[in-house]
Each structure stands twice: as structure tokens, then as C-alpha cells.
Amino acid sequence: MAESPKKARVPQTQRTAIMRYRLSKAAFEVIKDVGFANFRTSAVSKQAGVSQGAQLHHYPTKNDLTLAAMQYAYEQSNSIFTRNIAAFRPDDDPVDAAMKDAEDFFMSDYFMVALDILMAGGKNEELRGQQIELAVTSRSLVEKAWIDRLVDLGWDKELAEDILNISFCLVRGYVVKMLISENPKQYRRLVQRWKSMVSSAVTLG
């Protein structure tokens, strides 16, 4: 009787990456569901379906798990950004495309979880510093990519930076306002007014 072929062994590095992904995703989901103020590390291993020992091996502290959750959030949002900017065409409205990309991030659970962690965990200076570094690194790459697109279309670089930063501030500001009250009709009106102002500025420039 022929022997059954042996199952290929998954390399240790791959197993480690898979486990860390499961735990970081689980940490993100727990924070999304209960809020960072109620975040307990014991809930993460349960959410991920792994032992507490496995969790502690990869992420020994609450800070480690928190940063892993943020890393997961930014990685997922960056995947969306990559698709958005790859779909951009030279005849598309660049400001409209950039603002829609900003909406995909700032109006997502990924941003809200990151904001929750930053606000609720703000007194933890070590964690706060690492959070800010992670956020700046991730978002600066996104902003630079959109600025480069505008420059490629013939925009002055300083104007491109200013227009993009104000555009992102508009989206981000509305999202924070949504924590108190939502007015999507007003938001859309502001966006249209802003794009008209940009069009005039670019024409005059």
C-alpha cells in the first residue's frame, strides 16, 4: 500500500506572520467593539481563537497589542489607498479623487479605532509617541503620492501641498464633527464649494 504524501510543513516565519496577523486583527476588532477604554488583552486571544500563551509570546504587553491593532488598521487602509490611486487616470478630477480616498480612510473603522486609541491612551507617553510615529509614517506616504499625482499633472508643488492638506483637513474635520452630529447634506455642499474654489485657484495660478 502506497504511503500517503507527507503534508508540506509551513515555514516558521510564515507561521509567525500568520499568528501575528490573527492577533493584530483580533486586537483591532476588540477595540472597535468595546472601545479602547474597555480594552482587555484577555479578550484578544479569545477573539483570535488562540491560547493566552501564544498571545503573550508574540505580544507580551498591552502596548504591544495596541500598536499591533493600529498597524493592522493602517495596513488595511493603505491597501484601499493603493487600489484608489492605481485606479486614478490623468483625465480624472484629482482633488475629487484625493478627497474620496481621504473619505475611505477617515470615515472608516480604521481611523476611528486609531483616533480612539490616541485619545483614550493619550496619557501613556511611550504609547502616544509610537502611535504618532506610526500615523505620520503611514499617512505621509499617502499624502506624498497624491501630491506627486498633482505635480505630474502640471500643478505647482507648493499649491498641490496646500490644496491637498486643506482637502484632507476638511474631510477629517467633518468626521470629528460627526461624533457630535451628522449633516451629510452640508458636508457635500462644503465639498462642492471647496472644489469650485480650487478650480478657480488653479485657473488663476
C-alpha atoms as a PDB file:
ATOM      1  CA  MET A   1       0.000   0.000   0.000  1.00  0.00           C
ATOM      2  CA  ALA A   2       1.443   3.341  -1.051  1.00  0.00           C
ATOM      3  CA  GLU A   3       2.242   5.791   1.702  1.00  0.00           C
ATOM      4  CA  SER A   4       0.234   8.993   1.835  1.00  0.00           C
ATOM      5  CA  PRO A   5       2.279  12.002   0.755  1.00  0.00           C
ATOM      6  CA  LYS A   6       3.568  13.983   3.699  1.00  0.00           C
ATOM      7  CA  LYS A   7       1.906  17.317   4.265  1.00  0.00           C
ATOM      8  CA  ALA A   8       4.269  20.182   3.499  1.00  0.00           C
ATOM      9  CA  ARG A   9       5.440  21.884   6.661  1.00  0.00           C
ATOM     10  CA  VAL A  10       4.702  25.597   6.848  1.00  0.00           C
ATOM     11  CA  PRO A  11       7.939  27.540   7.481  1.00  0.00           C
ATOM     12  CA  GLN A  12       8.305  29.026  10.948  1.00  0.00           C
ATOM     13  CA  THR A  13       8.496  32.582   9.615  1.00  0.00           C
ATOM     14  CA  GLN A  14       5.205  32.112   7.797  1.00  0.00           C
ATOM     15  CA  ARG A  15       3.527  30.602  10.861  1.00  0.00           C
ATOM     16  CA  THR A  16       4.751  33.538  12.926  1.00  0.00           C
ATOM     17  CA  ALA A  17       3.421  36.052  10.396  1.00  0.00           C
ATOM     18  CA  ILE A  18       0.034  34.310  10.299  1.00  0.00           C
ATOM     19  CA  MET A  19      -0.238  34.252  14.086  1.00  0.00           C
ATOM     20  CA  ARG A  20       0.756  37.902  14.445  1.00  0.00           C
ATOM     21  CA  TYR A  21      -1.784  38.869  11.789  1.00  0.00           C
ATOM     22  CA  ARG A  22      -4.550  36.963  13.586  1.00  0.00           C
ATOM     23  CA  LEU A  23      -3.713  38.617  16.875  1.00  0.00           C
ATOM     24  CA  SER A  24      -3.386  42.128  15.447  1.00  0.00           C
ATOM     25  CA  LYS A  25      -6.701  41.766  13.618  1.00  0.00           C
ATOM     26  CA  ALA A  26      -8.337  40.411  16.776  1.00  0.00           C
ATOM     27  CA  ALA A  27      -6.975  43.310  18.847  1.00  0.00           C
ATOM     28  CA  PHE A  28      -8.357  45.761  16.295  1.00  0.00           C
ATOM     29  CA  GLU A  29     -11.779  44.098  16.327  1.00  0.00           C
ATOM     30  CA  VAL A  30     -11.943  44.045  20.128  1.00  0.00           C
ATOM     31  CA  ILE A  31     -11.087  47.752  20.357  1.00  0.00           C
ATOM     32  CA  LYS A  32     -13.614  48.534  17.620  1.00  0.00           C
ATOM     33  CA  ASP A  33     -16.338  46.641  19.506  1.00  0.00           C
ATOM     34  CA  VAL A  34     -15.722  47.759  23.104  1.00  0.00           C
ATOM     35  CA  GLY A  35     -13.588  50.896  22.803  1.00  0.00           C
ATOM     36  CA  PHE A  36     -10.014  51.359  23.953  1.00  0.00           C
ATOM     37  CA  ALA A  37     -11.114  52.436  27.433  1.00  0.00           C
ATOM     38  CA  ASN A  38     -12.571  48.940  27.930  1.00  0.00           C
ATOM     39  CA  PHE A  39      -9.822  47.090  26.064  1.00  0.00           C
ATOM     40  CA  ARG A  40      -8.622  43.968  27.881  1.00  0.00           C
ATOM     41  CA  THR A  41      -5.821  41.836  26.476  1.00  0.00           C
ATOM     42  CA  SER A  42      -7.536  38.643  27.624  1.00  0.00           C
ATOM     43  CA  ALA A  43     -10.294  39.287  25.081  1.00  0.00           C
ATOM     44  CA  VAL A  44      -7.818  39.246  22.202  1.00  0.00           C
ATOM     45  CA  SER A  45      -6.711  35.625  22.476  1.00  0.00           C
ATOM     46  CA  LYS A  46     -10.361  34.601  22.728  1.00  0.00           C
ATOM     47  CA  GLN A  47     -11.248  36.651  19.639  1.00  0.00           C
ATOM     48  CA  ALA A  48      -8.302  35.189  17.724  1.00  0.00           C
ATOM     49  CA  GLY A  49      -9.002  31.645  18.879  1.00  0.00           C
ATOM     50  CA  VAL A  50      -5.501  31.114  20.269  1.00  0.00           C
ATOM     51  CA  SER A  51      -4.052  30.429  23.688  1.00  0.00           C
ATOM     52  CA  GLN A  52      -3.071  33.171  26.097  1.00  0.00           C
ATOM     53  CA  GLY A  53       0.461  31.802  25.966  1.00  0.00           C
ATOM     54  CA  ALA A  54       0.643  32.214  22.194  1.00  0.00           C
ATOM     55  CA  GLN A  55      -0.578  35.772  22.529  1.00  0.00           C
ATOM     56  CA  LEU A  56       1.990  36.627  25.194  1.00  0.00           C
ATOM     57  CA  HIS A  57       4.754  35.091  23.095  1.00  0.00           C
ATOM     58  CA  HIS A  58       4.080  37.462  20.205  1.00  0.00           C
ATOM     59  CA  TYR A  59       2.715  40.490  22.056  1.00  0.00           C
ATOM     60  CA  PRO A  60       3.821  40.442  25.712  1.00  0.00           C
ATOM     61  CA  THR A  61       2.214  43.738  26.766  1.00  0.00           C
ATOM     62  CA  LYS A  62      -0.960  45.734  26.255  1.00  0.00           C
ATOM     63  CA  ASN A  63       1.068  48.415  24.486  1.00  0.00           C
ATOM     64  CA  ASP A  64       2.369  45.801  22.050  1.00  0.00           C
ATOM     65  CA  LEU A  65      -1.161  44.648  21.240  1.00  0.00           C
ATOM     66  CA  THR A  66      -2.405  48.212  20.921  1.00  0.00           C
ATOM     67  CA  LEU A  67       0.296  49.110  18.421  1.00  0.00           C
ATOM     68  CA  ALA A  68      -0.379  45.866  16.551  1.00  0.00           C
ATOM     69  CA  ALA A  69      -4.039  46.866  16.249  1.00  0.00           C
ATOM     70  CA  MET A  70      -3.045  50.262  14.877  1.00  0.00           C
ATOM     71  CA  GLN A  71      -0.562  48.678  12.484  1.00  0.00           C
ATOM     72  CA  TYR A  72      -3.335  46.407  11.224  1.00  0.00           C
ATOM     73  CA  ALA A  73      -5.640  49.402  10.741  1.00  0.00           C
ATOM     74  CA  TYR A  74      -3.082  51.352   8.731  1.00  0.00           C
ATOM     75  CA  GLU A  75      -2.105  48.338   6.646  1.00  0.00           C
ATOM     76  CA  GLN A  76      -5.735  47.711   5.708  1.00  0.00           C
ATOM     77  CA  SER A  77      -6.389  51.369   4.917  1.00  0.00           C
ATOM     78  CA  ASN A  78      -3.197  51.548   2.861  1.00  0.00           C
ATOM     79  CA  SER A  79      -4.439  48.628   0.786  1.00  0.00           C
ATOM     80  CA  ILE A  80      -7.555  50.661  -0.037  1.00  0.00           C
ATOM     81  CA  PHE A  81      -5.397  53.689  -0.879  1.00  0.00           C
ATOM     82  CA  THR A  82      -3.226  51.567  -3.187  1.00  0.00           C
ATOM     83  CA  ARG A  83      -6.317  50.486  -5.128  1.00  0.00           C
ATOM     84  CA  ASN A  84      -7.650  54.040  -5.261  1.00  0.00           C
ATOM     85  CA  ILE A  85      -4.501  55.644  -6.586  1.00  0.00           C
ATOM     86  CA  ALA A  86      -3.921  52.804  -9.056  1.00  0.00           C
ATOM     87  CA  ALA A  87      -7.392  53.476 -10.474  1.00  0.00           C
ATOM     88  CA  PHE A  88      -6.676  57.203 -10.927  1.00  0.00           C
ATOM     89  CA  ARG A  89      -6.463  58.340 -14.544  1.00  0.00           C
ATOM     90  CA  PRO A  90      -4.997  61.623 -15.902  1.00  0.00           C
ATOM     91  CA  ASP A  91      -8.431  62.860 -17.016  1.00  0.00           C
ATOM     92  CA  ASP A  92      -9.977  62.279 -13.557  1.00  0.00           C
ATOM     93  CA  ASP A  93     -10.570  65.210 -11.207  1.00  0.00           C
ATOM     94  CA  PRO A  94      -7.500  64.879  -8.927  1.00  0.00           C
ATOM     95  CA  VAL A  95      -8.984  66.772  -5.972  1.00  0.00           C
ATOM     96  CA  ASP A  96     -12.182  64.740  -6.141  1.00  0.00           C
ATOM     97  CA  ALA A  97     -10.173  61.507  -6.296  1.00  0.00           C
ATOM     98  CA  ALA A  98      -7.939  62.516  -3.386  1.00  0.00           C
ATOM     99  CA  MET A  99     -10.912  63.557  -1.242  1.00  0.00           C
ATOM    100  CA  LYS A 100     -12.755  60.320  -1.945  1.00  0.00           C
ATOM    101  CA  ASP A 101      -9.624  58.445  -0.922  1.00  0.00           C
ATOM    102  CA  ALA A 102      -9.496  60.536   2.254  1.00  0.00           C
ATOM    103  CA  GLU A 103     -13.143  59.668   2.936  1.00  0.00           C
ATOM    104  CA  ASP A 104     -12.333  55.976   2.539  1.00  0.00           C
ATOM    105  CA  PHE A 105      -9.822  56.350   5.366  1.00  0.00           C
ATOM    106  CA  PHE A 106     -11.241  58.983   7.700  1.00  0.00           C
ATOM    107  CA  MET A 107     -14.799  57.630   7.525  1.00  0.00           C
ATOM    108  CA  SER A 108     -13.666  54.068   8.171  1.00  0.00           C
ATOM    109  CA  ASP A 109     -13.409  51.988  11.324  1.00  0.00           C
ATOM    110  CA  TYR A 110      -9.644  52.015  10.794  1.00  0.00           C
ATOM    111  CA  PHE A 111      -9.387  55.729  11.503  1.00  0.00           C
ATOM    112  CA  MET A 112     -11.973  55.695  14.286  1.00  0.00           C
ATOM    113  CA  VAL A 113     -10.115  52.949  16.147  1.00  0.00           C
ATOM    114  CA  ALA A 114      -6.807  54.786  15.724  1.00  0.00           C
ATOM    115  CA  LEU A 115      -8.420  58.014  16.965  1.00  0.00           C
ATOM    116  CA  ASP A 116      -9.989  56.200  19.925  1.00  0.00           C
ATOM    117  CA  ILE A 117      -6.611  54.779  20.933  1.00  0.00           C
ATOM    118  CA  LEU A 118      -4.887  58.135  20.533  1.00  0.00           C
ATOM    119  CA  MET A 119      -7.493  59.964  22.628  1.00  0.00           C
ATOM    120  CA  ALA A 120      -8.070  57.360  25.343  1.00  0.00           C
ATOM    121  CA  GLY A 121      -4.424  56.353  25.632  1.00  0.00           C
ATOM    122  CA  GLY A 122      -3.032  59.859  25.374  1.00  0.00           C
ATOM    123  CA  LYS A 123      -1.548  59.918  28.879  1.00  0.00           C
ATOM    124  CA  ASN A 124       0.691  56.969  28.083  1.00  0.00           C
ATOM    125  CA  GLU A 125       3.631  58.943  26.683  1.00  0.00           C
ATOM    126  CA  GLU A 126       5.535  55.930  25.351  1.00  0.00           C
ATOM    127  CA  LEU A 127       2.477  54.585  23.555  1.00  0.00           C
ATOM    128  CA  ARG A 128       1.483  58.028  22.292  1.00  0.00           C
ATOM    129  CA  GLY A 129       4.907  58.623  20.771  1.00  0.00           C
ATOM    130  CA  GLN A 130       4.832  55.297  18.952  1.00  0.00           C
ATOM    131  CA  GLN A 131       1.266  55.939  17.778  1.00  0.00           C
ATOM    132  CA  ILE A 132       2.162  59.316  16.323  1.00  0.00           C
ATOM    133  CA  GLU A 133       5.215  57.905  14.563  1.00  0.00           C
ATOM    134  CA  LEU A 134       3.109  55.128  13.031  1.00  0.00           C
ATOM    135  CA  ALA A 135       0.371  57.525  11.920  1.00  0.00           C
ATOM    136  CA  VAL A 136       2.761  60.080  10.449  1.00  0.00           C
ATOM    137  CA  THR A 137       4.740  57.431   8.578  1.00  0.00           C
ATOM    138  CA  SER A 138       1.631  55.849   7.102  1.00  0.00           C
ATOM    139  CA  ARG A 139      -0.272  58.986   6.143  1.00  0.00           C
ATOM    140  CA  SER A 140       2.751  60.914   4.864  1.00  0.00           C
ATOM    141  CA  LEU A 141       3.249  58.249   2.199  1.00  0.00           C
ATOM    142  CA  VAL A 142      -0.380  58.638   1.142  1.00  0.00           C
ATOM    143  CA  GLU A 143      -0.187  62.419   1.020  1.00  0.00           C
ATOM    144  CA  LYS A 144       3.091  62.376  -0.917  1.00  0.00           C
ATOM    145  CA  ALA A 145       1.623  60.018  -3.513  1.00  0.00           C
ATOM    146  CA  TRP A 146      -1.340  62.326  -4.153  1.00  0.00           C
ATOM    147  CA  ILE A 147       0.898  65.399  -4.252  1.00  0.00           C
ATOM    148  CA  ASP A 148       3.079  63.648  -6.828  1.00  0.00           C
ATOM    149  CA  ARG A 149      -0.016  62.972  -8.934  1.00  0.00           C
ATOM    150  CA  LEU A 150      -0.946  66.658  -8.868  1.00  0.00           C
ATOM    151  CA  VAL A 151       2.597  67.708  -9.761  1.00  0.00           C
ATOM    152  CA  ASP A 152       2.625  65.191 -12.622  1.00  0.00           C
ATOM    153  CA  LEU A 153      -0.470  66.970 -13.949  1.00  0.00           C
ATOM    154  CA  GLY A 154       1.429  70.253 -14.005  1.00  0.00           C
ATOM    155  CA  TRP A 155       0.487  71.719 -10.625  1.00  0.00           C
ATOM    156  CA  ASP A 156       2.947  73.857  -8.682  1.00  0.00           C
ATOM    157  CA  LYS A 157       4.254  71.704  -5.828  1.00  0.00           C
ATOM    158  CA  GLU A 158       3.517  74.200  -3.055  1.00  0.00           C
ATOM    159  CA  LEU A 159      -0.010  74.736  -4.355  1.00  0.00           C
ATOM    160  CA  ALA A 160      -0.504  70.967  -4.601  1.00  0.00           C
ATOM    161  CA  GLU A 161       0.632  70.515  -0.984  1.00  0.00           C
ATOM    162  CA  ASP A 162      -1.644  73.294   0.282  1.00  0.00           C
ATOM    163  CA  ILE A 163      -4.706  72.136  -1.670  1.00  0.00           C
ATOM    164  CA  LEU A 164      -4.248  68.536  -0.602  1.00  0.00           C
ATOM    165  CA  ASN A 165      -3.687  69.379   3.070  1.00  0.00           C
ATOM    166  CA  ILE A 166      -6.769  71.608   3.229  1.00  0.00           C
ATOM    167  CA  SER A 167      -8.814  68.953   1.404  1.00  0.00           C
ATOM    168  CA  PHE A 168      -7.805  66.294   3.907  1.00  0.00           C
ATOM    169  CA  CYS A 169      -8.444  68.679   6.809  1.00  0.00           C
ATOM    170  CA  LEU A 170     -11.969  69.274   5.516  1.00  0.00           C
ATOM    171  CA  VAL A 171     -12.720  65.553   5.449  1.00  0.00           C
ATOM    172  CA  ARG A 172     -11.043  64.861   8.786  1.00  0.00           C
ATOM    173  CA  GLY A 173     -12.766  67.809  10.439  1.00  0.00           C
ATOM    174  CA  TYR A 174     -16.197  66.670   9.321  1.00  0.00           C
ATOM    175  CA  VAL A 175     -15.522  63.165  10.612  1.00  0.00           C
ATOM    176  CA  VAL A 176     -14.680  64.564  14.052  1.00  0.00           C
ATOM    177  CA  LYS A 177     -17.834  66.708  13.891  1.00  0.00           C
ATOM    178  CA  MET A 178     -19.801  63.510  13.194  1.00  0.00           C
ATOM    179  CA  LEU A 179     -19.005  62.449  16.761  1.00  0.00           C
ATOM    180  CA  ILE A 180     -21.477  65.150  17.829  1.00  0.00           C
ATOM    181  CA  SER A 181     -23.871  65.450  14.905  1.00  0.00           C
ATOM    182  CA  GLU A 182     -24.076  64.423  11.259  1.00  0.00           C
ATOM    183  CA  ASN A 183     -25.110  66.661   8.396  1.00  0.00           C
ATOM    184  CA  PRO A 184     -24.114  64.920   5.144  1.00  0.00           C
ATOM    185  CA  LYS A 185     -26.007  67.452   3.023  1.00  0.00           C
ATOM    186  CA  GLN A 186     -23.962  70.295   4.477  1.00  0.00           C
ATOM    187  CA  TYR A 187     -20.766  68.298   4.054  1.00  0.00           C
ATOM    188  CA  ARG A 188     -21.435  67.661   0.363  1.00  0.00           C
ATOM    189  CA  ARG A 189     -22.199  71.344  -0.129  1.00  0.00           C
ATOM    190  CA  LEU A 190     -18.903  72.314   1.510  1.00  0.00           C
ATOM    191  CA  VAL A 191     -17.003  69.811  -0.613  1.00  0.00           C
ATOM    192  CA  GLN A 192     -18.527  71.184  -3.806  1.00  0.00           C
ATOM    193  CA  ARG A 193     -17.796  74.757  -2.739  1.00  0.00           C
ATOM    194  CA  TRP A 194     -14.210  73.827  -1.907  1.00  0.00           C
ATOM    195  CA  LYS A 195     -13.677  72.109  -5.260  1.00  0.00           C
ATOM    196  CA  SER A 196     -15.034  75.202  -7.038  1.00  0.00           C
ATOM    197  CA  MET A 197     -12.579  77.362  -5.087  1.00  0.00           C
ATOM    198  CA  VAL A 198      -9.742  75.015  -6.024  1.00  0.00           C
ATOM    199  CA  SER A 199     -10.718  75.142  -9.681  1.00  0.00           C
ATOM    200  CA  SER A 200     -10.646  78.946  -9.580  1.00  0.00           C
ATOM    201  CA  ALA A 201      -7.291  79.000  -7.777  1.00  0.00           C
ATOM    202  CA  VAL A 202      -5.718  76.624 -10.275  1.00  0.00           C
ATOM    203  CA  THR A 203      -7.110  78.613 -13.213  1.00  0.00           C
ATOM    204  CA  LEU A 204      -5.812  81.900 -11.784  1.00  0.00           C
ATOM    205  CA  GLY A 205      -2.475  80.269 -10.983  1.00  0.00           C
END
